[in-house]
Structure formats: C-alpha cells, structure tokens
Protein backbone atom coordinates (compact mmCIF):
# COMPACT_ATOMS: atom_id res chain seq x y z
CA MET A 1 -0.33 14.71 188.33
CA ASN A 2 2.41 19.96 186.83
CA ASN A 3 4.90 23.08 191.63
CA GLU A 4 6.22 23.62 189.45
CA LYS A 5 9.10 23.08 189.59
CA SER A 6 16.69 30.03 190.11
CA ASN A 7 17.88 32.75 191.16
CA HIS A 8 17.05 30.74 194.58
CA ASN A 9 17.40 31.39 198.01
CA GLY A 10 20.03 28.96 199.24
CA ASN A 11 20.20 25.38 198.50
CA ASN A 12 18.66 24.26 202.35
CA SER A 13 15.41 26.23 201.21
CA TYR A 14 15.31 24.22 198.07
CA ASN A 15 15.66 21.26 199.37
CA SER A 16 12.94 21.36 202.02
CA ASN A 17 10.73 22.30 198.81
CA VAL A 18 11.99 19.32 196.68
CA LEU A 19 11.12 17.03 199.66
CA SER A 20 7.96 18.18 200.22
CA GLU A 21 7.00 18.04 196.47
CA ASN A 22 3.76 19.31 196.10
CA ASN A 23 1.38 18.47 193.55
CA ASN A 24 0.86 18.82 190.43
CA ASN A 25 3.50 17.23 189.22
CA ASN A 26 7.35 17.82 189.84
CA ILE A 27 9.70 20.31 190.74
CA LEU A 28 7.97 23.34 190.51
CA SER A 29 7.60 23.51 194.30
CA GLY A 30 11.07 25.53 194.06
CA ASN A 31 11.92 29.24 194.60
CA PRO A 32 10.20 30.63 191.42
CA GLY A 33 12.74 32.93 190.85
CA ASN A 34 12.56 36.79 189.87
CA LEU A 35 9.29 37.23 188.68
CA ARG A 36 10.32 41.07 189.16
CA GLU A 37 10.79 40.16 192.71
CA ILE A 38 7.24 38.41 192.98
CA VAL A 39 5.70 41.49 191.53
CA LYS A 40 7.97 43.64 194.87
CA MET A 41 5.20 42.29 197.10
CA GLN A 42 6.32 43.30 200.82
CA PRO A 43 3.38 41.18 202.77
CA LYS A 44 1.42 43.58 204.57
CA ASN A 45 0.01 41.02 206.07
CA HIS A 46 2.12 37.91 206.30
CA ARG A 47 -0.52 35.58 208.28
CA TYR A 48 -3.25 36.22 205.51
CA LEU A 49 -0.84 35.22 202.77
CA ARG A 50 0.47 32.01 204.78
CA TYR A 51 -2.66 30.77 205.03
CA SER A 52 -4.08 31.97 201.44
CA SER A 53 -1.03 30.25 200.08
CA LEU A 54 -2.43 27.33 202.25
CA ALA A 55 -5.92 27.46 200.42
CA ILE A 56 -4.57 27.78 197.24
CA LEU A 57 -2.11 24.38 197.10
CA ALA A 58 -4.74 22.51 198.91
CA ILE A 59 -7.69 23.51 196.17
CA GLN A 60 -4.61 22.91 193.29
CA ASN A 61 -3.89 19.62 194.73
CA ALA A 62 -7.53 18.36 195.58
CA THR A 63 -9.37 19.86 192.12
CA LEU A 64 -6.47 18.55 189.72
CA VAL A 65 -7.11 14.89 191.05
CA LEU A 66 -10.86 15.24 191.00
CA ILE A 67 -11.46 16.89 187.73
CA MET A 68 -8.97 14.22 186.35
CA ARG A 69 -10.64 11.39 187.65
CA TYR A 70 -13.94 12.94 186.30
CA ALA A 71 -12.82 13.55 183.04
CA ARG A 72 -11.15 9.87 182.66
CA THR A 73 -14.54 8.49 183.78
CA MET A 74 -17.31 10.32 182.73
CA PRO A 75 -19.41 8.61 179.69
CA GLY A 76 -18.75 9.54 176.14
CA GLU A 77 -15.46 9.67 174.08
CA LYS A 78 -12.57 9.63 175.86
CA PHE A 79 -9.66 11.85 174.99
CA TYR A 80 -6.01 10.62 174.42
CA ALA A 81 -4.12 11.02 177.64
CA THR A 82 -0.69 10.81 175.86
CA THR A 83 -2.06 14.24 174.24
CA ALA A 84 -3.17 16.26 177.13
CA VAL A 85 0.50 15.34 178.26
CA VAL A 86 1.77 16.92 175.67
CA MET A 87 -0.49 19.83 175.92
CA ALA A 88 0.14 20.37 179.38
CA GLU A 89 3.96 20.39 178.73
CA ALA A 90 3.05 23.07 175.68
CA VAL A 91 0.94 24.93 178.15
CA LYS A 92 4.13 25.14 180.52
CA LEU A 93 6.11 25.96 178.13
CA VAL A 94 4.24 29.12 176.93
CA ALA A 95 3.75 30.21 180.10
CA CYS A 96 7.22 30.26 181.32
CA PHE A 97 8.33 31.81 178.32
CA PHE A 98 5.50 35.13 179.10
CA ILE A 99 7.25 34.77 182.69
CA ILE A 100 10.80 34.81 181.68
CA SER A 101 9.90 37.85 179.24
CA TYR A 102 7.83 39.73 182.18
CA ASN A 103 11.33 39.14 184.31
CA GLU A 104 13.44 40.05 181.81
CA GLY A 105 11.94 42.90 180.91
CA GLY A 106 10.35 41.90 177.25
CA VAL A 107 10.91 39.54 174.32
CA ARG A 108 14.65 40.27 173.63
CA GLY A 109 15.24 39.39 177.54
CA LEU A 110 13.56 35.97 176.68
CA ILE A 111 15.34 35.32 173.65
CA ARG A 112 18.68 36.55 174.94
CA GLU A 113 18.07 34.02 178.19
CA LEU A 114 17.05 31.16 175.77
CA ASP A 115 20.31 31.78 173.65
CA ARG A 116 22.69 32.06 176.54
CA ASN A 117 21.48 28.85 179.25
CA ILE A 118 19.73 26.80 176.38
CA ILE A 119 20.86 27.12 172.86
CA ASN A 120 24.65 28.08 173.49
CA ALA A 121 24.77 25.48 176.68
CA PRO A 122 23.82 22.22 174.81
CA MET A 123 25.44 20.09 177.33
CA ASP A 124 23.58 21.55 180.29
CA THR A 125 20.23 21.35 178.73
CA LEU A 126 20.89 17.76 177.97
CA LYS A 127 21.25 17.38 181.36
CA VAL A 128 17.64 17.50 181.90
CA ALA A 129 16.93 15.27 179.15
CA VAL A 130 16.76 12.37 181.80
CA PRO A 131 13.78 13.98 183.99
CA GLY A 132 12.02 14.92 181.11
CA LEU A 133 11.81 11.64 180.46
CA ILE A 134 11.37 10.12 183.79
CA TYR A 135 8.70 13.29 184.15
CA THR A 136 6.92 12.32 180.78
CA PHE A 137 6.69 9.03 181.57
CA GLN A 138 5.41 9.58 185.42
CA ASN A 139 2.37 11.73 184.12
CA ASN A 140 1.63 9.30 181.42
CA LEU A 141 0.83 6.64 184.48
CA LEU A 142 -0.84 9.05 186.67
CA TYR A 143 -3.67 8.74 183.83
CA VAL A 144 -3.98 5.21 183.79
CA ALA A 145 -3.63 5.57 188.14
CA VAL A 146 -6.35 7.84 188.04
CA SER A 147 -8.45 5.94 185.46
CA ASN A 148 -8.50 2.94 188.37
CA LEU A 149 -8.47 4.16 191.67
CA PRO A 150 -11.17 6.31 192.92
CA ALA A 151 -10.03 10.03 193.48
CA ALA A 152 -9.56 9.59 197.24
CA THR A 153 -7.90 6.46 197.35
CA PHE A 154 -5.62 7.92 194.74
CA GLN A 155 -5.00 10.65 196.70
CA VAL A 156 -3.80 8.86 199.33
CA VAL A 157 -2.12 5.88 197.71
CA TYR A 158 0.29 8.91 195.71
CA GLN A 159 1.36 10.47 198.66
CA ILE A 160 4.07 7.33 199.24
CA LYS A 161 6.17 9.67 196.62
CA ILE A 162 7.15 11.30 200.26
CA LEU A 163 8.27 7.93 201.20
CA THR A 164 10.18 7.95 197.95
CA THR A 165 11.61 10.93 197.72
CA ALA A 166 13.25 10.29 201.03
CA LEU A 167 14.93 7.34 200.56
CA PHE A 168 16.66 8.65 196.85
CA SER A 169 17.64 11.71 198.85
CA VAL A 170 19.27 9.49 201.63
CA ILE A 171 20.81 7.19 198.70
CA MET A 172 22.22 9.97 196.18
CA LEU A 173 22.32 13.11 198.21
CA ASP A 174 23.44 11.29 201.50
CA LYS A 175 20.52 13.38 203.44
CA LYS A 176 20.40 12.34 206.93
CA LEU A 177 16.85 11.43 208.13
CA SER A 178 16.04 12.00 211.79
CA ILE A 179 14.23 9.61 213.91
CA MET A 180 11.09 11.62 213.54
CA HIS A 181 11.08 11.05 209.70
CA TRP A 182 11.68 7.48 209.91
CA PHE A 183 9.05 7.37 211.89
CA ALA A 184 6.49 9.40 209.98
CA LEU A 185 7.46 7.02 206.78
CA VAL A 186 6.53 3.92 208.19
CA VAL A 187 3.37 5.43 209.29
CA LEU A 188 2.84 6.67 206.03
CA THR A 189 3.61 3.04 204.78
CA THR A 190 1.40 1.50 206.77
CA GLY A 191 -1.54 3.83 206.04
CA VAL A 192 -1.24 3.65 202.22
CA ALA A 193 -1.07 -0.48 202.50
CA MET A 194 -4.07 -0.44 204.56
CA VAL A 195 -6.49 1.73 201.95
CA GLN A 196 -4.51 -0.16 199.19
CA ILE A 197 -5.71 -3.64 200.72
CA GLU A 198 -9.17 -2.06 201.31
CA THR A 199 -9.42 -1.15 197.76
CA THR A 200 -8.33 -4.01 196.44
CA LEU A 201 -10.24 -6.76 198.74
CA THR A 202 -13.32 -4.64 198.46
CA LYS A 203 -16.04 -4.80 195.66
CA ASP A 204 -16.69 -0.91 194.93
CA THR A 205 -20.19 -0.35 193.10
CA SER A 206 -19.28 3.68 193.60
CA LYS A 207 -21.06 5.15 190.35
CA ASP A 208 -17.98 5.87 188.75
CA ASP A 209 -16.40 2.56 188.98
CA LEU A 210 -19.84 1.32 187.04
CA ASN A 211 -19.28 3.28 184.11
CA SER A 212 -15.75 2.00 182.88
CA ASN A 213 -13.54 -0.74 183.35
CA GLN A 214 -11.15 -0.07 186.49
CA ASN A 215 -8.13 -2.49 187.43
CA PRO A 216 -7.05 -1.37 191.53
CA ILE A 217 -4.66 -3.43 190.89
CA LEU A 218 -3.14 -1.99 188.16
CA GLY A 219 -3.88 1.48 188.96
CA PHE A 220 -2.13 1.03 192.35
CA VAL A 221 1.15 -0.62 190.66
CA ALA A 222 0.57 2.55 187.93
CA VAL A 223 0.99 5.08 191.00
CA LEU A 224 3.72 2.84 193.24
CA ILE A 225 5.86 2.96 189.70
CA ALA A 226 4.76 7.31 189.28
CA CYS A 227 5.86 7.62 193.06
CA LEU A 228 9.31 5.95 192.40
CA SER A 229 9.89 7.81 189.60
CA SER A 230 8.45 10.87 191.06
CA GLY A 231 11.30 10.55 193.83
CA PHE A 232 13.97 9.99 191.80
CA ALA A 233 13.45 12.43 189.02
CA GLY A 234 12.98 15.52 191.92
CA VAL A 235 16.42 14.14 193.35
CA TYR A 236 18.30 13.96 190.43
CA PHE A 237 16.89 17.41 189.31
CA GLU A 238 17.81 19.08 192.78
CA LYS A 239 21.65 17.34 192.20
CA ILE A 240 21.68 19.31 189.10
CA LEU A 241 20.52 22.46 190.30
CA LYS A 242 22.43 22.45 193.08
CA GLY A 243 25.29 25.43 192.38
CA SER A 244 23.56 26.19 189.07
CA PRO A 245 22.80 29.43 188.02
CA VAL A 246 19.84 28.97 185.80
CA SER A 247 16.42 29.65 186.96
CA THR A 248 13.70 27.56 188.00
CA TRP A 249 11.50 28.72 185.00
CA LEU A 250 14.32 28.35 182.32
CA ARG A 251 14.99 24.55 183.71
CA ASN A 252 10.90 24.08 182.91
CA ILE A 253 11.31 25.16 179.39
CA GLN A 254 14.11 22.50 178.97
CA LEU A 255 11.71 19.86 180.95
CA ALA A 256 8.47 21.24 178.56
CA ILE A 257 10.85 21.01 175.29
CA PHE A 258 11.74 17.55 176.27
CA GLY A 259 8.57 16.52 177.30
CA ILE A 260 7.00 18.00 174.25
CA VAL A 261 9.23 15.62 172.13
CA LEU A 262 9.29 12.58 174.25
CA GLY A 263 5.31 13.35 174.55
CA MET A 264 5.10 12.74 170.66
CA ILE A 265 6.90 9.58 171.02
CA ALA A 266 4.16 8.34 173.41
CA VAL A 267 1.80 9.47 170.98
CA TYR A 268 2.77 7.73 168.06
CA ILE A 269 4.01 4.81 170.04
CA ASN A 270 0.58 4.46 171.77
CA ASP A 271 -2.18 6.63 169.97
CA GLY A 272 -0.99 6.97 166.78
CA ALA A 273 -3.03 5.15 164.49
CA ASN A 274 -5.87 6.67 166.37
CA VAL A 275 -4.92 10.22 166.58
CA LEU A 276 -4.55 9.74 162.43
CA ALA A 277 -8.15 8.38 162.07
CA PHE A 278 -9.98 10.55 164.92
CA GLY A 279 -7.46 13.44 165.25
CA PHE A 280 -4.60 15.00 168.00
CA PHE A 281 -7.71 16.16 170.08
CA HIS A 282 -10.21 13.30 170.01
CA GLY A 283 -12.44 13.88 173.28
CA TYR A 284 -11.55 16.85 174.00
CA ASN A 285 -14.09 18.75 176.16
CA GLN A 286 -14.26 21.14 179.07
CA TYR A 287 -13.15 19.00 181.90
CA THR A 288 -10.59 17.87 179.37
CA ILE A 289 -9.32 21.40 178.91
CA MET A 290 -9.01 22.06 182.75
CA VAL A 291 -7.46 18.82 183.67
CA ILE A 292 -4.18 20.21 181.28
CA LEU A 293 -4.39 23.72 182.75
CA ASN A 294 -4.11 22.89 186.05
CA GLN A 295 -1.71 20.04 185.40
CA ALA A 296 0.58 22.68 183.58
CA LEU A 297 -0.22 26.06 185.39
CA GLY A 298 -0.68 24.68 189.29
CA GLY A 299 2.85 23.75 189.47
CA LEU A 300 3.71 27.45 188.38
CA VAL A 301 0.66 28.69 191.34
CA VAL A 302 2.32 26.40 194.02
CA ALA A 303 5.87 28.06 192.53
CA PHE A 304 4.44 31.83 193.28
CA VAL A 305 2.66 31.22 196.45
CA VAL A 306 4.71 29.09 198.01
CA LYS A 307 7.19 31.84 198.85
CA TYR A 308 4.65 32.54 201.64
CA ALA A 309 4.53 29.01 202.88
CA ASP A 310 6.58 26.82 204.91
CA ASN A 311 7.21 23.23 204.69
CA ILE A 312 4.74 22.50 207.66
CA LEU A 313 2.15 24.43 205.99
CA LYS A 314 2.40 22.60 202.67
CA GLY A 315 2.34 19.38 204.65
CA PHE A 316 -0.82 20.92 206.19
CA ALA A 317 -2.05 21.31 202.38
CA THR A 318 -1.43 18.08 201.21
CA SER A 319 -3.23 16.94 204.22
CA ILE A 320 -6.38 18.83 203.47
CA ALA A 321 -6.38 18.24 199.57
CA ILE A 322 -6.55 14.69 200.93
CA ILE A 323 -10.15 15.31 202.77
CA ILE A 324 -11.51 17.37 200.17
CA SER A 325 -10.87 14.41 197.97
CA CYS A 326 -12.70 12.35 200.01
CA VAL A 327 -15.47 14.47 200.79
CA CYS A 328 -15.56 15.56 197.00
CA SER A 329 -15.89 11.79 195.89
CA ILE A 330 -18.59 10.70 198.32
CA PHE A 331 -20.80 13.48 196.47
CA LEU A 332 -19.14 13.31 192.94
CA PHE A 333 -18.69 9.55 192.75
CA SER A 334 -21.01 7.88 195.89
CA PHE A 335 -17.81 6.87 197.10
CA GLU A 336 -18.33 4.63 200.12
CA VAL A 337 -15.38 5.55 202.67
CA SER A 338 -14.81 2.43 205.32
CA ALA A 339 -13.60 2.21 208.69
CA VAL A 340 -10.27 0.81 207.32
CA PHE A 341 -10.40 3.38 204.65
CA LEU A 342 -10.35 6.25 206.97
CA MET A 343 -8.13 4.55 209.44
CA GLY A 344 -5.23 4.30 206.56
CA ALA A 345 -6.33 7.89 205.21
CA THR A 346 -5.80 9.24 209.03
CA LEU A 347 -2.16 7.82 209.12
CA VAL A 348 -1.49 9.17 206.11
CA ILE A 349 -2.51 12.95 206.83
CA GLY A 350 -0.50 12.32 210.18
CA SER A 351 2.67 11.19 208.72
CA VAL A 352 2.90 14.12 206.02
CA CYS A 353 2.16 16.48 208.90
CA LEU A 354 4.65 14.83 211.19
CA TYR A 355 7.02 14.37 208.78
CA SER A 356 6.64 18.20 207.11
CA SER A 357 7.02 19.27 210.98
CA ARG A 358 10.54 18.17 211.66
C-alpha cells in the first residue's frame, strides 16, 4: 500500500531511507523537510522518541494491510479499487498543501512555492510523471494482491521490495552491496519462496477466503510486479532528487497530481461503466475511508517520525508489522499458521533485520 515519499540532510541519509522503503506506499520515507524544523522539537528523551517511532511505523505498516484486506473481503458491495487510489492521492495532495503552508507561513507561501517549483518549472515537474505512473499502477496492483492473498502472506511476500530496490540501486545508481547484504537478500528470497509455495499448494479454508473468490497465484504475481515497480520507481525518484532543491512535500504534490490524473484514466478504463451506473463512491464505508486515510497519511506520518528512527529500527518495525499481521490474521480471518509458513516468515524477518543492520 502511502512514507511517504526536500531540504534533506545529505544524500547518504536519503539513500538509506529509500532503500528501506517503508510501506506504505513509497518515497515518503525520506527526510520530511522543514515542517517548521519538525515543530522545533528537540528530543528531551531521544530513546523515548526512537521507540515511539518504532511503534508508530510498525502499527501503520500492519494496520494498512489488515484493514485493506478486511475491506476487500468483507461481505457486501465492494468499492472500486481504482477510485480508492484516486482518493488516497487527493488526500495526500491536500495534506501536503497544509504542510507547505505551515512551513512557508501561510497560503501565500504555498502559492509562491507552487508557482516557483511547479508552474514555472514544467520540465522538472514532468520528471515525476514516470514514478507517478508507476506508483498509480503499483497501488492498483496492491489491491489485487491483498484481495487474493491472506494479510499475513501478503505482508511477508511484499518484503521482496527490499530485493528489487537493492537490485535497481546496483543497476541504476552503481550502489555497492556488501557480502552480508547479498546474504540477507538470498535469505529473504528463500523465505518468501517458502511462504508462497505453502500458500499456493495448501488449500486455505480460512474465514475470509470462504467469502470471496480468490486466486493465490494471481495475488502473488500482482505483489511481485508491485515490488518490481516499487523498486524501480523508488530508485528512479532517488536519482531525480539527487542535488535537487525541491522538497519532498513538493515532490509529493507533483506525484499526487499525476496520480490523480492517471488514476482517473484507470477509473475510466477499468470501472467507467460501473462508476457511471452506481457512482464514484459505490461500496464505500468506514473501512474504505480508513484504508484511504492510512494509505495517504501513513506515509506522511512515517516521514515525520522517521527523523527519530534509524535504518535498524525501521527494519525492526517491518519485522514487528509482519508479526502483528500474522497474529491478527489468526483471530480476524482464522488464518492457519503452518510450520512452513512460520519458517519462511522467520527467514524474512531475520533477513530484514540483517539487511537493515549493515
């Protein structure tokens, strides 16, 4: 599924954030920029802030998948995923407007920044069209994946984005990975393969599977393509940002604009007839709204709290999110944890921690 993705503190810090690529949704895990110097908060208790950030990151990662899964498999009319993607981009756009207004001292400052960095810089803005297209495609794929895979399985398999991001970094940015990094990536791939084989070959009769027609192979293909697109888009975006004075918030406004336009095209192609017949918000309920808000604002929250968390803690947050998803899936969806799944998930959690710690 939105950390984001500035006036950032050096490329090395941003590179680390992009490679860790939280969840939600994308490049928002970079340094968040001014935000009045993070509301001028100097941590009185740095350890408290670090572990508070860890908790927020883990909860945000886990709840997005669980709520999205429930919203897509609960009985009743289903909302159109394409419209939810558009709404998430719209919420993110409005949120970034408020943040830049706060940073720049009001609406006039916002207008000045938009005029200088977007309206009067069309070629620079167009650079964001590529990741904008890819992220729109990816966000729609995530709905396909989570509709066909149990939440715990999705959470584990989706960590292969670490592998794809690392590979694209090697290819596009000439990044050098240590032997320990490569070992962690091999372990990650092994763990994901075990989980996926178990999910594909074992007939799952969990509560949420009985309520909908699901195809684990389709879900796995969707999440794999989403991971490939996520890795490429994240590294491409990092390449764009290197040496750029444009803040992460402004870049996310650019992304949101392209996301809304391209998302509306996807609505027309995939669900145009249904939207005309039943309405844009057909099937929406409180869970749909929760998914949209989590996806849009989750990345912005991550961008705020990640100031106090290092790469190791972000790896732990991902691991905790996997555990939370597994435990909650047992109670919410009657998910059965097999020995093979448990072993594969353990390998994935270990590889994430190992990769983040080097």
